[in-house]
PDB file of N, CA and C in Angstrom:
ATOM      1  N   MET A   1     -45.325 -30.037 -81.403  1.00  0.00           N
ATOM      2  CA  MET A   1     -45.721 -30.127 -82.410  1.00  0.00           C
ATOM      3  C   MET A   1     -47.260 -30.473 -82.474  1.00  0.00           C
ATOM      4  N   LEU A   2     -47.952 -29.458 -83.221  1.00  0.00           N
ATOM      5  CA  LEU A   2     -49.256 -28.896 -83.183  1.00  0.00           C
ATOM      6  C   LEU A   2     -50.097 -30.244 -84.156  1.00  0.00           C
ATOM      7  N   ARG A   3     -51.285 -30.916 -83.382  1.00  0.00           N
ATOM      8  CA  ARG A   3     -51.808 -31.535 -84.411  1.00  0.00           C
ATOM      9  C   ARG A   3     -53.049 -30.963 -84.466  1.00  0.00           C
ATOM     10  N   ALA A   4     -53.864 -30.966 -86.088  1.00  0.00           N
ATOM     11  CA  ALA A   4     -55.017 -30.590 -85.822  1.00  0.00           C
ATOM     12  C   ALA A   4     -56.050 -31.431 -84.998  1.00  0.00           C
ATOM     13  N   LYS A   5     -56.159 -32.481 -85.197  1.00  0.00           N
ATOM     14  CA  LYS A   5     -57.194 -33.515 -84.849  1.00  0.00           C
ATOM     15  C   LYS A   5     -57.286 -33.333 -82.918  1.00  0.00           C
ATOM     16  N   ARG A   6     -55.896 -33.640 -82.510  1.00  0.00           N
ATOM     17  CA  ARG A   6     -55.720 -33.458 -81.149  1.00  0.00           C
ATOM     18  C   ARG A   6     -55.947 -31.890 -80.747  1.00  0.00           C
ATOM     19  N   ASP A   7     -55.840 -30.793 -81.375  1.00  0.00           N
ATOM     20  CA  ASP A   7     -56.009 -29.448 -80.911  1.00  0.00           C
ATOM     21  C   ASP A   7     -57.276 -28.815 -80.855  1.00  0.00           C
ATOM     22  N   SER A   8     -58.482 -29.871 -81.781  1.00  0.00           N
ATOM     23  CA  SER A   8     -59.562 -29.782 -81.578  1.00  0.00           C
ATOM     24  C   SER A   8     -60.455 -30.547 -81.011  1.00  0.00           C
ATOM     25  N   LEU A   9     -60.101 -31.383 -80.333  1.00  0.00           N
ATOM     26  CA  LEU A   9     -60.519 -32.502 -78.837  1.00  0.00           C
ATOM     27  C   LEU A   9     -60.689 -31.050 -77.825  1.00  0.00           C
ATOM     28  N   GLY A  10     -60.307 -30.224 -77.401  1.00  0.00           N
ATOM     29  CA  GLY A  10     -59.929 -29.449 -76.205  1.00  0.00           C
ATOM     30  C   GLY A  10     -59.906 -30.329 -74.975  1.00  0.00           C
ATOM     31  N   GLY A  11     -60.083 -29.389 -73.668  1.00  0.00           N
ATOM     32  CA  GLY A  11     -59.589 -30.008 -72.419  1.00  0.00           C
ATOM     33  C   GLY A  11     -58.193 -30.300 -72.571  1.00  0.00           C
ATOM     34  N   ALA A  12     -57.473 -31.113 -71.538  1.00  0.00           N
ATOM     35  CA  ALA A  12     -56.123 -31.460 -71.678  1.00  0.00           C
ATOM     36  C   ALA A  12     -55.627 -32.006 -73.078  1.00  0.00           C
ATOM     37  N   ALA A  13     -56.140 -32.988 -73.853  1.00  0.00           N
ATOM     38  CA  ALA A  13     -56.292 -33.204 -74.731  1.00  0.00           C
ATOM     39  C   ALA A  13     -55.118 -32.250 -75.940  1.00  0.00           C
ATOM     40  N   SER A  14     -56.063 -31.028 -75.507  1.00  0.00           N
ATOM     41  CA  SER A  14     -55.797 -30.032 -76.526  1.00  0.00           C
ATOM     42  C   SER A  14     -54.554 -29.031 -76.371  1.00  0.00           C
ATOM     43  N   ARG A  15     -53.987 -29.551 -75.383  1.00  0.00           N
ATOM     44  CA  ARG A  15     -52.336 -28.321 -74.685  1.00  0.00           C
ATOM     45  C   ARG A  15     -51.419 -29.032 -75.740  1.00  0.00           C
ATOM     46  N   ALA A  16     -50.775 -28.316 -76.696  1.00  0.00           N
ATOM     47  CA  ALA A  16     -49.612 -28.643 -77.297  1.00  0.00           C
ATOM     48  C   ALA A  16     -48.474 -29.129 -76.622  1.00  0.00           C
ATOM     49  N   ILE A  17     -48.048 -28.106 -75.368  1.00  0.00           N
ATOM     50  CA  ILE A  17     -47.129 -27.840 -74.488  1.00  0.00           C
ATOM     51  C   ILE A  17     -47.664 -28.705 -73.193  1.00  0.00           C
ATOM     52  N   PRO A  18     -46.680 -29.560 -72.898  1.00  0.00           N
ATOM     53  CA  PRO A  18     -47.455 -30.381 -71.352  1.00  0.00           C
ATOM     54  C   PRO A  18     -46.739 -29.039 -70.357  1.00  0.00           C
ATOM     55  N   SER A  19     -47.513 -29.210 -69.105  1.00  0.00           N
ATOM     56  CA  SER A  19     -47.192 -28.715 -67.892  1.00  0.00           C
ATOM     57  C   SER A  19     -45.759 -28.972 -67.305  1.00  0.00           C
ATOM     58  N   LEU A  20     -45.028 -28.126 -66.487  1.00  0.00           N
ATOM     59  CA  LEU A  20     -44.176 -28.555 -65.829  1.00  0.00           C
ATOM     60  C   LEU A  20     -44.107 -29.632 -64.872  1.00  0.00           C
ATOM     61  N   GLY A  21     -45.416 -29.745 -64.276  1.00  0.00           N
ATOM     62  CA  GLY A  21     -45.870 -30.715 -63.281  1.00  0.00           C
ATOM     63  C   GLY A  21     -46.127 -31.725 -64.041  1.00  0.00           C
ATOM     64  N   ASP A  22     -46.416 -31.865 -65.499  1.00  0.00           N
ATOM     65  CA  ASP A  22     -46.707 -33.045 -66.188  1.00  0.00           C
ATOM     66  C   ASP A  22     -44.760 -33.834 -66.811  1.00  0.00           C
ATOM     67  N   VAL A  23     -44.340 -32.568 -66.681  1.00  0.00           N
ATOM     68  CA  VAL A  23     -42.676 -33.189 -67.214  1.00  0.00           C
ATOM     69  C   VAL A  23     -41.948 -33.726 -65.794  1.00  0.00           C
ATOM     70  N   VAL A  24     -42.257 -32.883 -64.701  1.00  0.00           N
ATOM     71  CA  VAL A  24     -41.515 -33.531 -63.400  1.00  0.00           C
ATOM     72  C   VAL A  24     -42.416 -34.666 -62.857  1.00  0.00           C
ATOM     73  N   GLY A  25     -43.700 -34.616 -63.088  1.00  0.00           N
ATOM     74  CA  GLY A  25     -44.086 -36.057 -62.547  1.00  0.00           C
ATOM     75  C   GLY A  25     -43.698 -37.527 -63.593  1.00  0.00           C
ATOM     76  N   ARG A  26     -43.555 -37.128 -64.717  1.00  0.00           N
ATOM     77  CA  ARG A  26     -42.801 -38.242 -65.584  1.00  0.00           C
ATOM     78  C   ARG A  26     -41.806 -38.221 -65.308  1.00  0.00           C
ATOM     79  N   MET A  27     -40.889 -37.171 -64.982  1.00  0.00           N
ATOM     80  CA  MET A  27     -39.281 -37.900 -64.764  1.00  0.00           C
ATOM     81  C   MET A  27     -39.371 -38.158 -63.576  1.00  0.00           C
ATOM     82  N   MET A  28     -40.419 -37.889 -62.555  1.00  0.00           N
ATOM     83  CA  MET A  28     -40.226 -38.667 -60.913  1.00  0.00           C
ATOM     84  C   MET A  28     -40.402 -40.230 -61.343  1.00  0.00           C
ATOM     85  N   ILE A  29     -41.226 -40.478 -61.949  1.00  0.00           N
ATOM     86  CA  ILE A  29     -41.702 -41.722 -62.443  1.00  0.00           C
ATOM     87  C   ILE A  29     -40.623 -42.568 -63.027  1.00  0.00           C
ATOM     88  N   LEU A  30     -39.606 -42.143 -64.258  1.00  0.00           N
ATOM     89  CA  LEU A  30     -39.079 -42.826 -64.529  1.00  0.00           C
ATOM     90  C   LEU A  30     -37.638 -43.136 -63.738  1.00  0.00           C
ATOM     91  N   GLU A  31     -37.549 -41.880 -63.273  1.00  0.00           N
ATOM     92  CA  GLU A  31     -36.321 -41.847 -62.173  1.00  0.00           C
ATOM     93  C   GLU A  31     -36.723 -43.012 -61.446  1.00  0.00           C
ATOM     94  N   LEU A  32     -37.929 -43.401 -60.794  1.00  0.00           N
ATOM     95  CA  LEU A  32     -38.211 -44.524 -59.788  1.00  0.00           C
ATOM     96  C   LEU A  32     -38.249 -45.736 -60.368  1.00  0.00           C
ATOM     97  N   ILE A  33     -38.676 -45.713 -61.749  1.00  0.00           N
ATOM     98  CA  ILE A  33     -38.607 -47.165 -62.406  1.00  0.00           C
ATOM     99  C   ILE A  33     -36.856 -47.381 -62.736  1.00  0.00           C
ATOM    100  N   ALA A  34     -36.268 -46.701 -63.086  1.00  0.00           N
ATOM    101  CA  ALA A  34     -35.004 -46.377 -63.244  1.00  0.00           C
ATOM    102  C   ALA A  34     -34.293 -47.283 -61.883  1.00  0.00           C
ATOM    103  N   LEU A  35     -34.279 -46.573 -60.976  1.00  0.00           N
ATOM    104  CA  LEU A  35     -33.584 -47.092 -59.699  1.00  0.00           C
ATOM    105  C   LEU A  35     -34.195 -48.269 -59.280  1.00  0.00           C
ATOM    106  N   THR A  36     -35.343 -48.922 -59.602  1.00  0.00           N
ATOM    107  CA  THR A  36     -35.974 -49.998 -58.902  1.00  0.00           C
ATOM    108  C   THR A  36     -35.185 -51.174 -60.022  1.00  0.00           C
ATOM    109  N   ALA A  37     -35.194 -50.883 -61.119  1.00  0.00           N
ATOM    110  CA  ALA A  37     -34.567 -51.694 -61.910  1.00  0.00           C
ATOM    111  C   ALA A  37     -33.192 -52.047 -61.928  1.00  0.00           C
ATOM    112  N   LEU A  38     -32.637 -50.851 -62.132  1.00  0.00           N
ATOM    113  CA  LEU A  38     -31.215 -50.920 -61.411  1.00  0.00           C
ATOM    114  C   LEU A  38     -30.248 -51.817 -60.750  1.00  0.00           C
ATOM    115  N   THR A  39     -31.448 -51.158 -59.395  1.00  0.00           N
ATOM    116  CA  THR A  39     -31.378 -52.377 -57.667  1.00  0.00           C
ATOM    117  C   THR A  39     -31.367 -53.561 -58.244  1.00  0.00           C
ATOM    118  N   ARG A  40     -32.091 -54.002 -58.609  1.00  0.00           N
ATOM    119  CA  ARG A  40     -32.633 -54.971 -59.403  1.00  0.00           C
ATOM    120  C   ARG A  40     -31.367 -55.987 -59.602  1.00  0.00           C
ATOM    121  N   LEU A  41     -30.718 -55.166 -60.794  1.00  0.00           N
ATOM    122  CA  LEU A  41     -29.859 -55.607 -61.664  1.00  0.00           C
ATOM    123  C   LEU A  41     -28.501 -56.093 -60.998  1.00  0.00           C
ATOM    124  N   ILE A  42     -28.310 -55.100 -60.735  1.00  0.00           N
ATOM    125  CA  ILE A  42     -27.001 -54.959 -59.474  1.00  0.00           C
ATOM    126  C   ILE A  42     -26.949 -55.986 -58.572  1.00  0.00           C
ATOM    127  N   ARG A  43     -28.285 -56.366 -58.331  1.00  0.00           N
ATOM    128  CA  ARG A  43     -27.924 -57.599 -57.062  1.00  0.00           C
ATOM    129  C   ARG A  43     -28.017 -58.878 -57.579  1.00  0.00           C
ATOM    130  N   LEU A  44     -28.237 -59.211 -58.655  1.00  0.00           N
ATOM    131  CA  LEU A  44     -28.315 -60.186 -59.760  1.00  0.00           C
ATOM    132  C   LEU A  44     -26.642 -60.524 -59.875  1.00  0.00           C
ATOM    133  N   HIS A  45     -26.041 -59.487 -60.195  1.00  0.00           N
ATOM    134  CA  HIS A  45     -24.901 -60.013 -60.510  1.00  0.00           C
ATOM    135  C   HIS A  45     -23.898 -59.882 -59.242  1.00  0.00           C
ATOM    136  N   ASP A  46     -22.600 -60.875 -59.338  1.00  0.00           N
ATOM    137  CA  ASP A  46     -22.310 -61.066 -57.906  1.00  0.00           C
ATOM    138  C   ASP A  46     -20.846 -59.822 -58.193  1.00  0.00           C
ATOM    139  N   ALA A  47     -20.291 -59.648 -56.582  1.00  0.00           N
ATOM    140  CA  ALA A  47     -19.561 -58.631 -56.504  1.00  0.00           C
ATOM    141  C   ALA A  47     -18.113 -58.138 -57.803  1.00  0.00           C
ATOM    142  N   GLY A  48     -17.790 -59.383 -58.360  1.00  0.00           N
ATOM    143  CA  GLY A  48     -17.085 -59.490 -59.151  1.00  0.00           C
ATOM    144  C   GLY A  48     -17.580 -58.654 -60.926  1.00  0.00           C
ATOM    145  N   GLU A  49     -18.717 -59.148 -60.806  1.00  0.00           N
ATOM    146  CA  GLU A  49     -18.966 -58.472 -62.339  1.00  0.00           C
ATOM    147  C   GLU A  49     -19.557 -57.380 -62.139  1.00  0.00           C
ATOM    148  N   ARG A  50     -20.132 -56.325 -61.040  1.00  0.00           N
ATOM    149  CA  ARG A  50     -20.619 -55.069 -60.889  1.00  0.00           C
ATOM    150  C   ARG A  50     -19.756 -54.040 -61.177  1.00  0.00           C
ATOM    151  N   GLY A  51     -18.701 -54.274 -61.246  1.00  0.00           N
ATOM    152  CA  GLY A  51     -17.967 -53.176 -61.786  1.00  0.00           C
ATOM    153  C   GLY A  51     -18.045 -52.922 -63.348  1.00  0.00           C
ATOM    154  N   ASP A  52     -17.441 -54.483 -63.977  1.00  0.00           N
ATOM    155  CA  ASP A  52     -17.731 -54.475 -65.547  1.00  0.00           C
ATOM    156  C   ASP A  52     -19.437 -54.366 -65.907  1.00  0.00           C
ATOM    157  N   LEU A  53     -20.346 -54.164 -64.947  1.00  0.00           N
ATOM    158  CA  LEU A  53     -21.736 -53.810 -65.327  1.00  0.00           C
ATOM    159  C   LEU A  53     -22.292 -52.333 -65.182  1.00  0.00           C
ATOM    160  N   MET A  54     -21.382 -52.153 -63.957  1.00  0.00           N
ATOM    161  CA  MET A  54     -21.172 -50.331 -64.037  1.00  0.00           C
ATOM    162  C   MET A  54     -20.456 -49.245 -64.931  1.00  0.00           C
ATOM    163  N   LYS A  55     -19.426 -49.767 -65.370  1.00  0.00           N
ATOM    164  CA  LYS A  55     -18.400 -49.745 -66.375  1.00  0.00           C
ATOM    165  C   LYS A  55     -19.213 -49.645 -68.209  1.00  0.00           C
ATOM    166  N   ALA A  56     -20.211 -50.374 -68.062  1.00  0.00           N
ATOM    167  CA  ALA A  56     -20.926 -50.712 -69.412  1.00  0.00           C
ATOM    168  C   ALA A  56     -21.832 -49.540 -69.379  1.00  0.00           C
ATOM    169  N   MET A  57     -22.644 -49.182 -68.181  1.00  0.00           N
ATOM    170  CA  MET A  57     -23.512 -48.720 -68.724  1.00  0.00           C
ATOM    171  C   MET A  57     -23.292 -47.196 -68.583  1.00  0.00           C
ATOM    172  N   ARG A  58     -22.071 -46.770 -68.005  1.00  0.00           N
ATOM    173  CA  ARG A  58     -21.311 -45.258 -67.786  1.00  0.00           C
ATOM    174  C   ARG A  58     -20.831 -45.431 -69.464  1.00  0.00           C
ATOM    175  N   HIS A  59     -20.435 -46.319 -69.796  1.00  0.00           N
ATOM    176  CA  HIS A  59     -19.903 -46.030 -71.293  1.00  0.00           C
ATOM    177  C   HIS A  59     -21.554 -45.968 -72.048  1.00  0.00           C
ATOM    178  N   ALA A  60     -22.467 -46.636 -72.135  1.00  0.00           N
ATOM    179  CA  ALA A  60     -23.879 -46.360 -72.918  1.00  0.00           C
ATOM    180  C   ALA A  60     -24.069 -44.796 -72.530  1.00  0.00           C
ATOM    181  N   ILE A  61     -23.975 -44.343 -71.481  1.00  0.00           N
ATOM    182  CA  ILE A  61     -24.204 -43.061 -71.119  1.00  0.00           C
ATOM    183  C   ILE A  61     -23.649 -42.536 -72.076  1.00  0.00           C
ATOM    184  N   ASP A  62     -22.319 -42.380 -72.015  1.00  0.00           N
ATOM    185  CA  ASP A  62     -21.622 -41.479 -72.914  1.00  0.00           C
ATOM    186  C   ASP A  62     -21.746 -41.235 -74.288  1.00  0.00           C
ATOM    187  N   ARG A  63     -22.261 -42.581 -74.713  1.00  0.00           N
ATOM    188  CA  ARG A  63     -22.266 -43.125 -76.100  1.00  0.00           C
ATOM    189  C   ARG A  63     -23.425 -41.868 -76.583  1.00  0.00           C
ATOM    190  N   LYS A  64     -24.733 -42.162 -75.726  1.00  0.00           N
ATOM    191  CA  LYS A  64     -25.852 -41.523 -76.025  1.00  0.00           C
ATOM    192  C   LYS A  64     -26.301 -40.054 -75.810  1.00  0.00           C
ATOM    193  N   CYS A  65     -25.009 -39.643 -74.945  1.00  0.00           N
ATOM    194  CA  CYS A  65     -25.208 -38.235 -75.178  1.00  0.00           C
ATOM    195  C   CYS A  65     -24.315 -37.534 -76.365  1.00  0.00           C
ATOM    196  N   HIS A  66     -23.453 -38.392 -76.624  1.00  0.00           N
ATOM    197  CA  HIS A  66     -22.471 -38.234 -77.548  1.00  0.00           C
ATOM    198  C   HIS A  66     -23.380 -38.213 -79.034  1.00  0.00           C
ATOM    199  N   ASP A  67     -24.369 -39.141 -79.309  1.00  0.00           N
ATOM    200  CA  ASP A  67     -25.125 -39.478 -80.438  1.00  0.00           C
ATOM    201  C   ASP A  67     -26.471 -38.448 -80.344  1.00  0.00           C
ATOM    202  N   ALA A  68     -26.679 -37.812 -78.812  1.00  0.00           N
ATOM    203  CA  ALA A  68     -27.610 -36.761 -78.782  1.00  0.00           C
ATOM    204  C   ALA A  68     -26.829 -35.573 -79.027  1.00  0.00           C
ATOM    205  N   ARG A  69     -25.660 -35.343 -79.341  1.00  0.00           N
ATOM    206  CA  ARG A  69     -25.158 -34.065 -79.644  1.00  0.00           C
ATOM    207  C   ARG A  69     -25.229 -32.921 -78.551  1.00  0.00           C
ATOM    208  N   LEU A  70     -25.320 -33.356 -77.472  1.00  0.00           N
ATOM    209  CA  LEU A  70     -25.180 -32.588 -75.972  1.00  0.00           C
ATOM    210  C   LEU A  70     -23.662 -31.898 -76.155  1.00  0.00           C
ATOM    211  N   CYS A  71     -24.213 -30.392 -75.750  1.00  0.00           N
ATOM    212  CA  CYS A  71     -23.244 -29.494 -75.514  1.00  0.00           C
ATOM    213  C   CYS A  71     -22.279 -30.214 -74.377  1.00  0.00           C
ATOM    214  N   GLY A  72     -20.897 -29.573 -73.926  1.00  0.00           N
ATOM    215  CA  GLY A  72     -20.471 -30.124 -72.874  1.00  0.00           C
ATOM    216  C   GLY A  72     -20.728 -29.890 -71.753  1.00  0.00           C
ATOM    217  N   THR A  73     -21.108 -28.895 -71.269  1.00  0.00           N
ATOM    218  CA  THR A  73     -21.933 -28.828 -69.980  1.00  0.00           C
ATOM    219  C   THR A  73     -23.330 -29.645 -69.854  1.00  0.00           C
ATOM    220  N   ASP A  74     -24.122 -29.884 -70.520  1.00  0.00           N
ATOM    221  CA  ASP A  74     -25.157 -31.032 -70.512  1.00  0.00           C
ATOM    222  C   ASP A  74     -24.920 -32.091 -70.601  1.00  0.00           C
ATOM    223  N   THR A  75     -23.369 -32.326 -71.534  1.00  0.00           N
ATOM    224  CA  THR A  75     -23.172 -33.927 -71.208  1.00  0.00           C
ATOM    225  C   THR A  75     -22.456 -34.256 -69.715  1.00  0.00           C
ATOM    226  N   GLU A  76     -21.928 -33.431 -69.489  1.00  0.00           N
ATOM    227  CA  GLU A  76     -21.467 -33.171 -68.294  1.00  0.00           C
ATOM    228  C   GLU A  76     -22.527 -33.448 -66.742  1.00  0.00           C
ATOM    229  N   SER A  77     -23.273 -32.717 -66.650  1.00  0.00           N
ATOM    230  CA  SER A  77     -24.495 -32.657 -65.893  1.00  0.00           C
ATOM    231  C   SER A  77     -25.078 -34.204 -66.351  1.00  0.00           C
ATOM    232  N   ALA A  78     -25.317 -34.433 -67.422  1.00  0.00           N
ATOM    233  CA  ALA A  78     -26.519 -35.738 -67.495  1.00  0.00           C
ATOM    234  C   ALA A  78     -25.341 -36.796 -66.830  1.00  0.00           C
ATOM    235  N   GLU A  79     -24.103 -37.002 -67.356  1.00  0.00           N
ATOM    236  CA  GLU A  79     -23.150 -37.915 -66.492  1.00  0.00           C
ATOM    237  C   GLU A  79     -23.091 -38.087 -64.628  1.00  0.00           C
ATOM    238  N   LYS A  80     -23.304 -36.998 -64.247  1.00  0.00           N
ATOM    239  CA  LYS A  80     -23.422 -36.574 -62.884  1.00  0.00           C
ATOM    240  C   LYS A  80     -24.668 -37.376 -62.726  1.00  0.00           C
ATOM    241  N   TYR A  81     -25.860 -36.841 -62.985  1.00  0.00           N
ATOM    242  CA  TYR A  81     -26.947 -37.689 -62.984  1.00  0.00           C
ATOM    243  C   TYR A  81     -26.785 -38.866 -63.013  1.00  0.00           C
ATOM    244  N   ALA A  82     -26.353 -39.295 -63.695  1.00  0.00           N
ATOM    245  CA  ALA A  82     -26.412 -40.810 -63.980  1.00  0.00           C
ATOM    246  C   ALA A  82     -25.791 -41.279 -63.075  1.00  0.00           C
ATOM    247  N   GLU A  83     -24.348 -40.788 -62.788  1.00  0.00           N
ATOM    248  CA  GLU A  83     -23.648 -41.467 -61.495  1.00  0.00           C
ATOM    249  C   GLU A  83     -24.028 -41.470 -60.476  1.00  0.00           C
ATOM    250  N   GLY A  84     -24.928 -40.513 -60.397  1.00  0.00           N
ATOM    251  CA  GLY A  84     -25.464 -40.167 -58.673  1.00  0.00           C
ATOM    252  C   GLY A  84     -26.762 -41.358 -58.709  1.00  0.00           C
ATOM    253  N   LEU A  85     -27.790 -41.800 -59.928  1.00  0.00           N
ATOM    254  CA  LEU A  85     -28.703 -43.116 -60.020  1.00  0.00           C
ATOM    255  C   LEU A  85     -27.870 -44.217 -59.741  1.00  0.00           C
ATOM    256  N   LEU A  86     -26.935 -44.238 -60.242  1.00  0.00           N
ATOM    257  CA  LEU A  86     -26.319 -45.914 -60.094  1.00  0.00           C
ATOM    258  C   LEU A  86     -25.772 -45.838 -58.921  1.00  0.00           C
ATOM    259  N   ALA A  87     -24.827 -44.878 -58.680  1.00  0.00           N
ATOM    260  CA  ALA A  87     -24.316 -44.562 -57.075  1.00  0.00           C
ATOM    261  C   ALA A  87     -25.465 -45.384 -55.812  1.00  0.00           C
ATOM    262  N   CYS A  88     -26.451 -44.534 -56.646  1.00  0.00           N
ATOM    263  CA  CYS A  88     -27.951 -45.075 -55.413  1.00  0.00           C
ATOM    264  C   CYS A  88     -28.265 -46.686 -55.407  1.00  0.00           C
ATOM    265  N   ALA A  89     -28.382 -46.738 -56.724  1.00  0.00           N
ATOM    266  CA  ALA A  89     -28.782 -48.319 -57.108  1.00  0.00           C
ATOM    267  C   ALA A  89     -28.024 -49.179 -56.500  1.00  0.00           C
ATOM    268  N   GLN A  90     -26.672 -49.020 -56.389  1.00  0.00           N
ATOM    269  CA  GLN A  90     -25.477 -49.882 -56.329  1.00  0.00           C
ATOM    270  C   GLN A  90     -25.718 -49.988 -54.573  1.00  0.00           C
ATOM    271  N   GLU A  91     -26.031 -48.398 -53.810  1.00  0.00           N
ATOM    272  CA  GLU A  91     -25.712 -48.427 -52.620  1.00  0.00           C
ATOM    273  C   GLU A  91     -27.247 -49.362 -52.186  1.00  0.00           C
ATOM    274  N   GLN A  92     -28.029 -49.251 -52.462  1.00  0.00           N
ATOM    275  CA  GLN A  92     -29.679 -50.295 -52.118  1.00  0.00           C
ATOM    276  C   GLN A  92     -29.614 -51.523 -52.004  1.00  0.00           C
ATOM    277  N   ALA A  93     -28.928 -52.050 -53.218  1.00  0.00           N
ATOM    278  CA  ALA A  93     -28.235 -53.568 -53.115  1.00  0.00           C
ATOM    279  C   ALA A  93     -27.784 -54.022 -52.508  1.00  0.00           C
ATOM    280  N   ILE A  94     -26.828 -53.048 -52.223  1.00  0.00           N
ATOM    281  CA  ILE A  94     -25.576 -53.839 -51.208  1.00  0.00           C
ATOM    282  C   ILE A  94     -26.493 -53.904 -49.768  1.00  0.00           C
ATOM    283  N   ASP A  95     -27.090 -52.476 -49.465  1.00  0.00           N
ATOM    284  CA  ASP A  95     -28.232 -52.958 -48.626  1.00  0.00           C
ATOM    285  C   ASP A  95     -29.243 -54.265 -48.446  1.00  0.00           C
ATOM    286  N   LEU A  96     -29.900 -54.150 -49.641  1.00  0.00           N
ATOM    287  CA  LEU A  96     -30.612 -55.208 -49.783  1.00  0.00           C
ATOM    288  C   LEU A  96     -30.100 -56.862 -49.247  1.00  0.00           C
ATOM    289  N   GLU A  97     -28.394 -56.762 -49.742  1.00  0.00           N
ATOM    290  CA  GLU A  97     -27.827 -58.089 -49.751  1.00  0.00           C
ATOM    291  C   GLU A  97     -27.822 -58.536 -48.044  1.00  0.00           C
ATOM    292  N   LYS A  98     -27.495 -57.168 -47.169  1.00  0.00           N
ATOM    293  CA  LYS A  98     -27.006 -56.945 -45.794  1.00  0.00           C
ATOM    294  C   LYS A  98     -28.013 -57.374 -45.240  1.00  0.00           C
ATOM    295  N   THR A  99     -29.321 -57.050 -45.431  1.00  0.00           N
ATOM    296  CA  THR A  99     -30.603 -57.258 -44.739  1.00  0.00           C
ATOM    297  C   THR A  99     -31.361 -59.099 -45.207  1.00  0.00           C
ATOM    298  N   ARG A 100     -31.125 -59.364 -46.333  1.00  0.00           N
ATOM    299  CA  ARG A 100     -31.154 -60.426 -46.478  1.00  0.00           C
ATOM    300  C   ARG A 100     -30.206 -61.747 -45.722  1.00  0.00           C
ATOM    301  N   LYS A 101     -28.966 -61.211 -45.587  1.00  0.00           N
ATOM    302  CA  LYS A 101     -28.544 -62.399 -45.109  1.00  0.00           C
ATOM    303  C   LYS A 101     -28.319 -61.903 -43.635  1.00  0.00           C
ATOM    304  N   HIS A 102     -28.949 -61.311 -42.834  1.00  0.00           N
ATOM    305  CA  HIS A 102     -29.137 -60.988 -41.368  1.00  0.00           C
ATOM    306  C   HIS A 102     -30.477 -62.009 -41.030  1.00  0.00           C
ATOM    307  N   ALA A 103     -31.037 -61.823 -42.318  1.00  0.00           N
ATOM    308  CA  ALA A 103     -32.261 -62.737 -41.975  1.00  0.00           C
ATOM    309  C   ALA A 103     -32.574 -64.059 -42.142  1.00  0.00           C
ATOM    310  N   CYS A 104     -31.353 -64.310 -42.885  1.00  0.00           N
ATOM    311  CA  CYS A 104     -31.695 -66.039 -42.761  1.00  0.00           C
ATOM    312  C   CYS A 104     -30.457 -66.525 -41.730  1.00  0.00           C
TER     313      CYS A 104
END
């Protein structure tokens, strides 16, 4: 959306549409933050509770996709991306636990 005040600033601030590099950079940072936070969250739950935690996250993702009225293909793509992110976080949490157990 164009804004008169921002558009009169000139330079980078006047760009109404972010560049692809801006979007990719932001997505990369958000993915890194999400992966780090998920890994720590999963580590805080014991093995029995992890299944419930993952199920709750999957349910929240499904609900958000539905609320955003994503089409079937976009919903499926978002869910696959989320599954990969969750699996990676769980794998990293397990690896961290193994490393800590061997260090003790």
